[in-house]
Amino acid sequence: MSEEKTNTSKLWGGRFAEATDAFVQRFTASVEFDKRLYKADIEGSVAHATMLEKAGILSSVEKTQIISGLHEIQNDIESGAFSWSIELEDVHMNIEAALTAKIGDTGKKLHTGRSRNDQVATDIRLYVREEIDHISLLVRALQDGILNLAEQNTDTIMPGFTHLQTAQPITFGHHLMAWFEMLQRDFERLQDCRKRVNISPLGSAALAGTTYPIDRELTASLLNFDRPSDNSLDSVSDRDFAIELSAAASLIMMHLSRFSEEIVLWTSSQFNFVDLPDRFCTGSSIMPQKKNPDVPELIRGKSGRVFGHLVSLLTLMKSQPLAYNKDNQEDKEPLFDTLDTLKDSLTAYANMVPAIKANRENMQLAATQGFATATDLADYLVKKGMPFRDAHEIVGKTVAYCIEHNKGLNQLELEELQSFSDSISNDVFDVLTLEGSVSSRNHIGGTAPSQVKAAIANARALIT
């Protein structure tokens, strides 16, 4: 019996009479994907060992041996000298087994007062916290690139769209600042999510806490958490923070996908609003003239996998009773892939946006199409004392006349305009120009170049 138990090679194998089935061992192991948590695992173990020594559970010598051994293991991992074993299931048991092999029985004392349940919960929070900080820097880098491009285009006129139909003239800088605002909300969501991530579950043990005289405030402080968690059952089973981060990531990817859709349209020959450098594009294997905006297209596609991961995590958690269940092992792959995809997409955009070149003449020409100043004409009539609904009807009839005669509003003679309303005088041409239309929207949030410059200055102050 004892020989069979020994053959299980498991740190938890004491009550088992036979070895784990080979398929089950492979099926249930997570080391192939959770080994990326090694740094967080070692950081948490160092804090735990430090606390155990303060509590009198470990001697000073034992603590020193454990911490030195853990640092050696980290060096081995980072140098590629560490051998990961699927038989040891996960990152935690691989590191613990290596520690025991390195320093002897003292290594077996490290796990006193904790469980893999609170250990993995701590590791994921440490890992996610670092990832949020990294992602936040990438968001800021992209915002900075947007501001640089917007500064170059505060008076570059382009059509603004609703329903993808020409609506009113705007400036390219104003359009880019809309991107900035979307990303600012994303940044704030990340910071808000970080607050709920930064709570320490360490010391919750398996589900009920521990009988040892641990100091959870100390471990929380050593790991730079804001505080220890309040309920041990919730602490080991909570993955809300991972779902919340995935939701924030999905929103960022949704925004990047919207940016991508616009870039794909704008780089087409039908729009030709902007040009992407060759390094962000690819060609066709059969059509030599093609220059495909593959980077934004791929990011637009990658948004779907991130959305899917969010649904996976929600589905994973929806039927779990308290406390920890093996289901939770399935949280890591979707979370890790979400973070990897998001970081790559943000990096691509942070590099790509500053390299975008605006084709100003094409943008301005497009803004002359589609009667973009029709609303300005209606506003002009209202300012002359006409009720807005009457002005709306008159301008609609004027546009119909323009379509029939293949003219733009600014190409009509004064007599033609006055045939629709005797309120119109020669000053109407001030509002029918693109420049006049854009400059007239001179208020906070408007597209006037002076307002765009002010918005850019405010944004600079916000992100620095």
Protein backbone atom coordinates (compact mmCIF):
# COMPACT_ATOMS: atom_id res chain seq x y z
CA MET A 1 0.00 0.00 0.00
CA SER A 2 2.69 2.51 0.99
CA GLU A 3 4.67 1.70 -2.19
CA GLU A 4 1.63 2.35 -4.35
CA LYS A 5 1.06 5.69 -2.64
CA THR A 6 4.65 6.69 -3.18
CA ASN A 7 4.31 5.87 -6.87
CA THR A 8 1.64 8.53 -7.25
CA SER A 9 4.43 11.17 -7.11
CA LYS A 10 1.91 13.72 -5.87
CA LEU A 11 2.41 16.15 -3.01
CA TRP A 12 -1.22 15.47 -2.13
CA GLY A 13 -1.05 11.70 -2.71
CA GLY A 14 -1.20 10.47 0.88
CA ARG A 15 -4.78 9.20 0.84
CA PHE A 16 -4.59 7.67 -2.66
CA ALA A 17 -3.97 3.97 -3.22
CA GLU A 18 -3.20 4.08 -6.93
CA ALA A 19 -1.47 6.36 -9.35
CA THR A 20 -3.40 8.89 -11.39
CA ASP A 21 -4.48 7.62 -14.79
CA ALA A 22 -2.13 8.97 -17.46
CA PHE A 23 -4.96 10.58 -19.40
CA VAL A 24 -6.45 12.14 -16.28
CA GLN A 25 -3.03 13.46 -15.36
CA ARG A 26 -2.68 15.18 -18.72
CA PHE A 27 -6.30 16.29 -18.80
CA THR A 28 -6.23 17.92 -15.38
CA ALA A 29 -2.72 19.42 -15.49
CA SER A 30 -2.42 23.17 -16.01
CA VAL A 31 1.33 23.70 -15.91
CA GLU A 32 1.58 24.18 -19.66
CA PHE A 33 -0.33 27.45 -19.40
CA ASP A 34 -0.15 28.53 -15.74
CA LYS A 35 3.66 28.42 -15.62
CA ARG A 36 3.57 32.05 -16.75
CA LEU A 37 2.47 32.78 -13.16
CA TYR A 38 5.88 31.71 -11.80
CA LYS A 39 7.01 35.22 -10.88
CA ALA A 40 3.79 36.00 -9.01
CA ASP A 41 3.89 32.56 -7.36
CA ILE A 42 7.41 33.12 -6.07
CA GLU A 43 6.60 36.67 -4.96
CA GLY A 44 3.61 35.41 -2.99
CA SER A 45 5.65 32.59 -1.45
CA VAL A 46 8.38 35.00 -0.34
CA ALA A 47 5.77 37.15 1.41
CA HIS A 48 4.17 34.08 2.97
CA ALA A 49 7.49 32.78 4.26
CA THR A 50 8.33 36.22 5.67
CA MET A 51 5.02 36.26 7.51
CA LEU A 52 5.46 32.70 8.82
CA GLU A 53 8.79 33.68 10.36
CA LYS A 54 7.22 36.78 11.98
CA ALA A 55 4.48 34.55 13.38
CA GLY A 56 7.05 32.17 14.86
CA ILE A 57 6.06 29.31 12.55
CA LEU A 58 9.39 29.34 10.70
CA SER A 59 12.78 30.07 12.16
CA SER A 60 14.88 32.87 10.74
CA VAL A 61 17.23 30.31 9.20
CA GLU A 62 14.35 28.41 7.60
CA LYS A 63 12.89 31.60 6.16
CA THR A 64 16.25 32.57 4.69
CA GLN A 65 16.71 29.12 3.18
CA ILE A 66 13.25 29.20 1.61
CA ILE A 67 13.57 32.69 0.17
CA SER A 68 17.06 32.05 -1.19
CA GLY A 69 15.86 28.79 -2.73
CA LEU A 70 12.87 30.53 -4.34
CA HIS A 71 15.11 33.19 -5.85
CA GLU A 72 17.40 30.50 -7.25
CA ILE A 73 14.38 28.78 -8.80
CA GLN A 74 13.28 32.05 -10.37
CA ASN A 75 16.73 32.47 -11.88
CA ASP A 76 16.55 28.91 -13.19
CA ILE A 77 13.16 29.56 -14.78
CA GLU A 78 14.23 32.81 -16.40
CA SER A 79 17.47 31.31 -17.71
CA GLY A 80 15.63 28.34 -19.20
CA ALA A 81 17.32 25.83 -16.89
CA PHE A 82 14.12 24.84 -15.05
CA SER A 83 12.36 21.62 -16.03
CA TRP A 84 8.58 21.75 -15.82
CA SER A 85 6.81 18.48 -15.03
CA ILE A 86 3.26 17.68 -16.05
CA GLU A 87 3.21 15.07 -13.27
CA LEU A 88 3.39 17.93 -10.76
CA GLU A 89 0.25 19.41 -12.31
CA ASP A 90 0.72 23.15 -11.97
CA VAL A 91 3.12 26.00 -11.45
CA HIS A 92 2.70 25.90 -7.66
CA MET A 93 3.61 22.27 -7.14
CA ASN A 94 6.45 22.43 -9.65
CA ILE A 95 8.05 25.26 -7.74
CA GLU A 96 7.38 23.69 -4.33
CA ALA A 97 8.86 20.35 -5.42
CA ALA A 98 11.91 22.12 -6.85
CA LEU A 99 12.33 24.05 -3.60
CA THR A 100 12.25 20.86 -1.53
CA ALA A 101 14.74 19.23 -3.87
CA LYS A 102 16.99 22.25 -3.50
CA ILE A 103 16.86 22.89 0.30
CA GLY A 104 15.47 19.66 1.75
CA ASP A 105 12.60 19.20 4.20
CA THR A 106 12.52 22.89 5.06
CA GLY A 107 10.93 23.41 1.66
CA LYS A 108 7.96 21.33 2.79
CA LYS A 109 7.19 23.91 5.50
CA LEU A 110 6.46 26.70 3.04
CA HIS A 111 2.88 25.59 2.47
CA THR A 112 1.98 25.85 6.16
CA GLY A 113 -1.13 27.96 6.64
CA ARG A 114 -2.13 28.22 3.01
CA SER A 115 -3.77 26.21 0.22
CA ARG A 116 -3.36 26.12 -3.51
CA ASN A 117 -6.79 27.75 -3.52
CA ASP A 118 -5.67 31.02 -1.94
CA GLN A 119 -2.24 30.65 -3.54
CA VAL A 120 -3.57 30.66 -7.10
CA ALA A 121 -6.07 33.41 -6.28
CA THR A 122 -3.17 35.52 -5.03
CA ASP A 123 -0.99 34.68 -8.03
CA ILE A 124 -3.65 35.66 -10.54
CA ARG A 125 -4.29 38.96 -8.80
CA LEU A 126 -0.58 39.78 -8.73
CA TYR A 127 -0.25 38.84 -12.38
CA VAL A 128 -3.34 40.74 -13.46
CA ARG A 129 -2.30 43.83 -11.50
CA GLU A 130 1.01 43.95 -13.37
CA GLU A 131 -0.78 43.38 -16.67
CA ILE A 132 -3.21 46.24 -15.98
CA ASP A 133 -0.27 48.56 -15.35
CA HIS A 134 1.35 47.46 -18.61
CA ILE A 135 -1.86 47.79 -20.61
CA SER A 136 -2.49 51.23 -19.10
CA LEU A 137 0.90 52.40 -20.38
CA LEU A 138 0.05 51.08 -23.84
CA VAL A 139 -3.27 52.95 -23.80
CA ARG A 140 -1.41 56.13 -22.85
CA ALA A 141 1.12 55.56 -25.65
CA LEU A 142 -1.72 55.23 -28.16
CA GLN A 143 -3.43 58.33 -26.79
CA ASP A 144 -0.17 60.24 -27.16
CA GLY A 145 0.09 59.13 -30.79
CA ILE A 146 -3.49 60.24 -31.42
CA LEU A 147 -2.75 63.66 -29.94
CA ASN A 148 0.31 64.05 -32.14
CA LEU A 149 -1.72 63.25 -35.26
CA ALA A 150 -4.59 65.49 -34.13
CA GLU A 151 -2.18 68.40 -33.60
CA GLN A 152 -1.13 68.08 -37.24
CA ASN A 153 -4.75 68.16 -38.41
CA THR A 154 -6.64 70.69 -36.30
CA ASP A 155 -7.82 72.47 -39.44
CA THR A 156 -7.91 69.54 -41.88
CA ILE A 157 -11.51 69.44 -43.09
CA MET A 158 -13.26 66.15 -43.74
CA PRO A 159 -16.86 64.99 -43.88
CA GLY A 160 -18.44 63.82 -40.66
CA PHE A 161 -20.80 60.91 -41.06
CA THR A 162 -23.97 59.52 -39.60
CA HIS A 163 -25.26 56.25 -41.04
CA LEU A 164 -22.00 56.39 -43.07
CA GLN A 165 -23.65 59.18 -45.07
CA THR A 166 -22.11 62.65 -45.28
CA ALA A 167 -23.63 64.69 -42.47
CA GLN A 168 -21.64 67.84 -41.63
CA PRO A 169 -18.07 69.01 -42.17
CA ILE A 170 -15.69 68.43 -39.28
CA THR A 171 -11.94 68.50 -38.81
CA PHE A 172 -9.80 65.39 -38.85
CA GLY A 173 -8.32 66.54 -35.55
CA HIS A 174 -11.80 66.60 -34.03
CA HIS A 175 -12.48 63.09 -35.30
CA LEU A 176 -9.23 61.84 -33.79
CA MET A 177 -10.08 63.42 -30.45
CA ALA A 178 -13.22 61.28 -30.40
CA TRP A 179 -10.87 58.28 -30.48
CA PHE A 180 -8.95 59.82 -27.59
CA GLU A 181 -12.11 60.17 -25.50
CA MET A 182 -13.03 56.51 -26.06
CA LEU A 183 -9.58 55.44 -24.91
CA GLN A 184 -9.73 57.75 -21.89
CA ARG A 185 -12.83 55.94 -20.69
CA ASP A 186 -10.96 52.68 -21.25
CA PHE A 187 -8.03 53.93 -19.19
CA GLU A 188 -10.32 54.96 -16.34
CA ARG A 189 -12.06 51.58 -16.41
CA LEU A 190 -8.68 49.85 -16.09
CA GLN A 191 -7.78 51.97 -13.08
CA ASP A 192 -11.14 51.28 -11.49
CA CYS A 193 -10.78 47.55 -12.13
CA ARG A 194 -7.32 47.64 -10.56
CA LYS A 195 -8.85 48.74 -7.25
CA ARG A 196 -10.84 45.51 -7.03
CA VAL A 197 -7.91 43.43 -8.21
CA ASN A 198 -5.64 44.84 -5.53
CA ILE A 199 -7.10 42.90 -2.59
CA SER A 200 -5.19 40.02 -1.03
CA PRO A 201 -6.83 36.60 -0.69
CA LEU A 202 -3.67 35.09 0.81
CA GLY A 203 -4.41 33.49 4.17
CA SER A 204 -7.90 32.35 3.20
CA ALA A 205 -6.39 28.87 2.80
CA ALA A 206 -8.68 26.26 1.24
CA LEU A 207 -11.94 28.02 2.06
CA ALA A 208 -12.29 28.63 5.81
CA GLY A 209 -9.04 30.29 6.84
CA THR A 210 -6.38 28.56 8.93
CA THR A 211 -5.74 27.64 12.56
CA TYR A 212 -2.21 29.08 12.44
CA PRO A 213 -1.57 32.56 13.88
CA ILE A 214 -1.03 34.20 10.49
CA ASP A 215 -0.87 37.95 9.83
CA ARG A 216 -2.85 38.71 6.70
CA GLU A 217 -2.30 42.44 7.02
CA LEU A 218 1.44 41.80 6.80
CA THR A 219 1.30 39.65 3.67
CA ALA A 220 -1.07 42.14 2.04
CA SER A 221 1.39 44.93 2.79
CA LEU A 222 4.41 42.95 1.60
CA LEU A 223 2.67 42.29 -1.71
CA ASN A 224 1.50 45.92 -2.07
CA PHE A 225 -2.15 45.00 -1.86
CA ASP A 226 -4.49 47.62 -0.45
CA ARG A 227 -5.91 45.24 2.15
CA PRO A 228 -6.71 41.58 2.81
CA SER A 229 -10.04 40.24 1.61
CA ASP A 230 -12.93 40.00 4.05
CA ASN A 231 -14.39 36.54 3.47
CA SER A 232 -12.36 33.38 2.96
CA LEU A 233 -15.08 31.55 1.00
CA ASP A 234 -15.44 34.36 -1.49
CA SER A 235 -11.69 35.00 -1.61
CA VAL A 236 -10.72 31.62 -3.05
CA SER A 237 -13.61 31.36 -5.51
CA ASP A 238 -13.96 34.94 -6.73
CA ARG A 239 -13.04 35.57 -10.35
CA ASP A 240 -15.10 38.72 -10.76
CA PHE A 241 -11.92 40.74 -11.17
CA ALA A 242 -10.85 38.57 -14.13
CA ILE A 243 -14.29 38.93 -15.72
CA GLU A 244 -14.26 42.68 -15.10
CA LEU A 245 -10.85 42.99 -16.72
CA SER A 246 -12.04 40.90 -19.65
CA ALA A 247 -15.03 43.22 -20.00
CA ALA A 248 -12.73 46.25 -19.96
CA ALA A 249 -10.51 44.52 -22.51
CA SER A 250 -13.54 43.78 -24.68
CA LEU A 251 -14.49 47.45 -24.66
CA ILE A 252 -10.96 48.46 -25.65
CA MET A 253 -10.97 45.90 -28.46
CA MET A 254 -14.39 47.12 -29.56
CA HIS A 255 -12.97 50.63 -29.79
CA LEU A 256 -9.91 49.43 -31.68
CA SER A 257 -12.21 47.53 -34.01
CA ARG A 258 -14.18 50.70 -34.71
CA PHE A 259 -10.93 52.58 -35.37
CA SER A 260 -9.90 49.73 -37.67
CA GLU A 261 -13.15 49.87 -39.63
CA GLU A 262 -12.61 53.56 -40.28
CA ILE A 263 -8.98 53.07 -41.30
CA VAL A 264 -9.94 50.26 -43.65
CA LEU A 265 -12.55 52.51 -45.26
CA TRP A 266 -10.30 55.56 -45.33
CA THR A 267 -7.42 53.71 -47.02
CA SER A 268 -9.68 52.36 -49.77
CA SER A 269 -9.49 53.95 -53.21
CA GLN A 270 -13.14 54.96 -52.82
CA PHE A 271 -12.28 57.19 -49.82
CA ASN A 272 -8.50 57.70 -50.04
CA PHE A 273 -8.56 59.84 -46.91
CA VAL A 274 -5.39 58.46 -45.32
CA ASP A 275 -2.32 56.49 -46.21
CA LEU A 276 -0.67 53.79 -44.13
CA PRO A 277 3.05 53.12 -44.48
CA ASP A 278 3.93 49.91 -46.29
CA ARG A 279 5.20 48.32 -43.08
CA PHE A 280 1.63 48.09 -41.76
CA CYS A 281 0.24 46.57 -44.95
CA THR A 282 0.64 43.48 -47.12
CA GLY A 283 0.15 42.69 -50.79
CA SER A 284 -1.78 40.16 -52.80
CA SER A 285 -0.31 36.94 -54.16
CA ILE A 286 -2.15 37.44 -57.46
CA MET A 287 -2.99 41.16 -57.77
CA PRO A 288 0.23 43.17 -57.85
CA GLN A 289 -1.47 46.54 -57.35
CA LYS A 290 -2.97 45.66 -53.98
CA LYS A 291 -1.93 47.27 -50.69
CA ASN A 292 -4.04 45.70 -47.98
CA PRO A 293 -4.48 47.26 -44.50
CA ASP A 294 -3.93 43.91 -42.81
CA VAL A 295 -3.01 45.23 -39.37
CA PRO A 296 -6.31 47.06 -38.73
CA GLU A 297 -8.24 44.26 -40.43
CA LEU A 298 -6.67 41.65 -38.17
CA ILE A 299 -7.30 43.72 -35.04
CA ARG A 300 -10.91 44.12 -36.12
CA GLY A 301 -11.08 40.32 -36.32
CA LYS A 302 -9.28 39.72 -33.04
CA SER A 303 -11.95 41.65 -31.19
CA GLY A 304 -14.20 38.60 -31.65
CA ARG A 305 -11.89 36.24 -29.77
CA VAL A 306 -11.68 38.66 -26.84
CA PHE A 307 -15.47 39.00 -26.72
CA GLY A 308 -15.66 35.20 -26.79
CA HIS A 309 -13.29 34.90 -23.85
CA LEU A 310 -15.51 37.22 -21.82
CA VAL A 311 -18.50 34.99 -22.50
CA SER A 312 -16.40 31.93 -21.63
CA LEU A 313 -15.48 33.36 -18.23
CA LEU A 314 -19.04 34.37 -17.46
CA THR A 315 -20.25 30.91 -18.43
CA LEU A 316 -17.48 29.30 -16.39
CA MET A 317 -18.62 31.03 -13.21
CA LYS A 318 -22.38 31.09 -13.63
CA SER A 319 -23.22 27.76 -11.93
CA GLN A 320 -20.43 27.32 -9.42
CA PRO A 321 -21.34 26.82 -5.78
CA LEU A 322 -19.01 28.19 -3.11
CA ALA A 323 -16.13 27.76 -2.71
CA TYR A 324 -13.31 26.76 -5.07
CA ASN A 325 -14.03 24.23 -7.84
CA LYS A 326 -11.76 22.66 -10.43
CA ASP A 327 -13.76 24.55 -13.07
CA ASN A 328 -11.73 27.61 -12.12
CA GLN A 329 -8.67 26.12 -13.76
CA GLU A 330 -10.40 27.08 -17.00
CA ASP A 331 -10.15 30.78 -16.16
CA LYS A 332 -6.51 31.14 -17.14
CA GLU A 333 -6.34 30.37 -20.85
CA PRO A 334 -9.10 32.78 -21.88
CA LEU A 335 -7.75 35.42 -19.51
CA PHE A 336 -4.16 35.03 -20.69
CA ASP A 337 -5.14 35.07 -24.36
CA THR A 338 -7.29 38.15 -23.77
CA LEU A 339 -4.36 39.99 -22.23
CA ASP A 340 -1.91 38.87 -24.92
CA THR A 341 -4.29 39.85 -27.72
CA LEU A 342 -5.04 43.21 -26.15
CA LYS A 343 -1.38 44.07 -25.59
CA ASP A 344 -0.45 43.13 -29.14
CA SER A 345 -3.34 45.13 -30.59
CA LEU A 346 -2.54 48.23 -28.54
CA THR A 347 1.14 47.95 -29.44
CA ALA A 348 0.27 47.76 -33.12
CA TYR A 349 -1.96 50.81 -32.88
CA ALA A 350 0.52 52.83 -30.83
CA ASN A 351 3.08 52.23 -33.59
CA MET A 352 0.67 52.70 -36.49
CA VAL A 353 -1.32 55.83 -35.60
CA PRO A 354 1.62 58.29 -35.58
CA ALA A 355 2.55 57.04 -39.06
CA ILE A 356 -0.87 57.78 -40.61
CA LYS A 357 -0.74 60.44 -43.31
CA ALA A 358 -3.85 62.48 -44.03
CA ASN A 359 -4.71 63.10 -47.69
CA ARG A 360 -6.06 66.57 -46.98
CA GLU A 361 -7.17 67.45 -50.49
CA ASN A 362 -9.24 64.28 -50.80
CA MET A 363 -10.78 64.80 -47.38
CA GLN A 364 -11.76 68.37 -48.24
CA LEU A 365 -13.13 67.37 -51.63
CA ALA A 366 -15.25 64.67 -50.02
CA ALA A 367 -16.62 67.21 -47.56
CA THR A 368 -17.97 69.25 -50.49
CA GLN A 369 -20.08 66.27 -51.54
CA GLY A 370 -23.40 65.29 -49.99
CA PHE A 371 -24.57 68.82 -49.04
CA ALA A 372 -22.61 68.84 -45.79
CA THR A 373 -23.49 72.50 -45.10
CA ALA A 374 -27.25 72.00 -45.36
CA THR A 375 -27.66 72.23 -41.58
CA ASP A 376 -25.69 75.48 -41.62
CA LEU A 377 -28.16 76.92 -44.12
CA ALA A 378 -31.06 75.88 -41.88
CA ASP A 379 -29.36 77.46 -38.87
CA TYR A 380 -28.80 80.61 -40.91
CA LEU A 381 -32.53 80.87 -41.62
CA VAL A 382 -33.39 80.28 -37.96
CA LYS A 383 -31.08 83.11 -36.96
CA LYS A 384 -33.02 85.28 -39.41
CA GLY A 385 -36.15 84.58 -37.36
CA MET A 386 -37.59 81.54 -39.13
CA PRO A 387 -38.94 78.56 -37.08
CA PHE A 388 -36.57 75.61 -37.37
CA ARG A 389 -39.11 73.23 -38.90
CA ASP A 390 -39.87 75.75 -41.66
CA ALA A 391 -36.15 76.24 -42.24
CA HIS A 392 -35.69 72.47 -42.39
CA GLU A 393 -38.35 72.18 -45.10
CA ILE A 394 -36.93 75.02 -47.16
CA VAL A 395 -33.41 73.60 -47.06
CA GLY A 396 -34.76 70.18 -48.01
CA LYS A 397 -36.37 71.70 -51.11
CA THR A 398 -33.15 73.57 -51.86
CA VAL A 399 -31.17 70.32 -51.71
CA ALA A 400 -33.68 68.66 -54.04
CA TYR A 401 -33.18 71.52 -56.47
CA CYS A 402 -29.39 71.07 -56.25
CA ILE A 403 -29.70 67.36 -56.99
CA GLU A 404 -31.91 68.07 -60.00
CA HIS A 405 -29.43 70.63 -61.36
CA ASN A 406 -26.26 68.78 -60.29
CA LYS A 407 -24.99 71.62 -58.12
CA GLY A 408 -23.64 72.01 -54.61
CA LEU A 409 -25.22 74.45 -52.17
CA ASN A 410 -22.20 76.73 -52.38
CA GLN A 411 -22.49 76.73 -56.19
CA LEU A 412 -25.98 78.27 -56.22
CA GLU A 413 -26.40 81.89 -57.24
CA LEU A 414 -27.91 84.26 -54.71
CA GLU A 415 -31.02 84.58 -56.86
CA GLU A 416 -31.48 80.82 -56.85
CA LEU A 417 -31.23 80.69 -53.06
CA GLN A 418 -33.61 83.62 -52.66
CA SER A 419 -36.17 81.78 -54.75
CA PHE A 420 -36.63 79.51 -51.74
CA SER A 421 -36.66 82.27 -49.10
CA ASP A 422 -36.47 86.05 -49.24
CA SER A 423 -34.72 85.92 -45.83
CA ILE A 424 -31.52 84.91 -47.60
CA SER A 425 -29.01 87.63 -48.37
CA ASN A 426 -25.42 87.79 -49.59
CA ASP A 427 -23.99 86.87 -46.17
CA VAL A 428 -25.32 83.33 -46.66
CA PHE A 429 -22.14 82.37 -48.48
CA ASP A 430 -20.18 82.79 -45.23
CA VAL A 431 -21.97 79.77 -43.79
CA LEU A 432 -22.02 77.69 -46.97
CA THR A 433 -18.23 77.37 -47.04
CA LEU A 434 -16.63 74.40 -45.31
CA GLU A 435 -14.29 76.65 -43.34
CA GLY A 436 -17.16 78.81 -42.16
CA SER A 437 -19.21 75.79 -41.17
CA VAL A 438 -16.42 74.24 -39.15
CA SER A 439 -15.32 77.48 -37.48
CA SER A 440 -18.88 78.36 -36.44
CA ARG A 441 -19.06 75.39 -34.09
CA ASN A 442 -16.90 77.19 -31.58
CA HIS A 443 -17.89 75.77 -28.19
CA ILE A 444 -16.62 73.10 -25.82
CA GLY A 445 -16.71 69.81 -27.69
CA GLY A 446 -17.20 71.49 -31.06
CA THR A 447 -15.19 70.92 -34.20
CA ALA A 448 -13.83 74.47 -34.59
CA PRO A 449 -10.03 74.37 -34.89
CA SER A 450 -9.64 76.58 -31.82
CA GLN A 451 -11.73 74.15 -29.79
CA VAL A 452 -9.79 71.16 -31.09
CA LYS A 453 -6.53 72.84 -30.07
CA ALA A 454 -7.94 73.50 -26.60
CA ALA A 455 -9.13 69.88 -26.33
CA ILE A 456 -5.67 68.63 -27.29
CA ALA A 457 -4.04 70.87 -24.66
CA ASN A 458 -6.44 69.59 -21.98
CA ALA A 459 -5.78 66.02 -23.04
CA ARG A 460 -2.01 66.55 -22.87
CA ALA A 461 -2.36 67.75 -19.30
CA LEU A 462 -4.54 64.74 -18.48
CA ILE A 463 -2.11 62.06 -19.63
CA THR A 464 1.16 63.62 -18.42
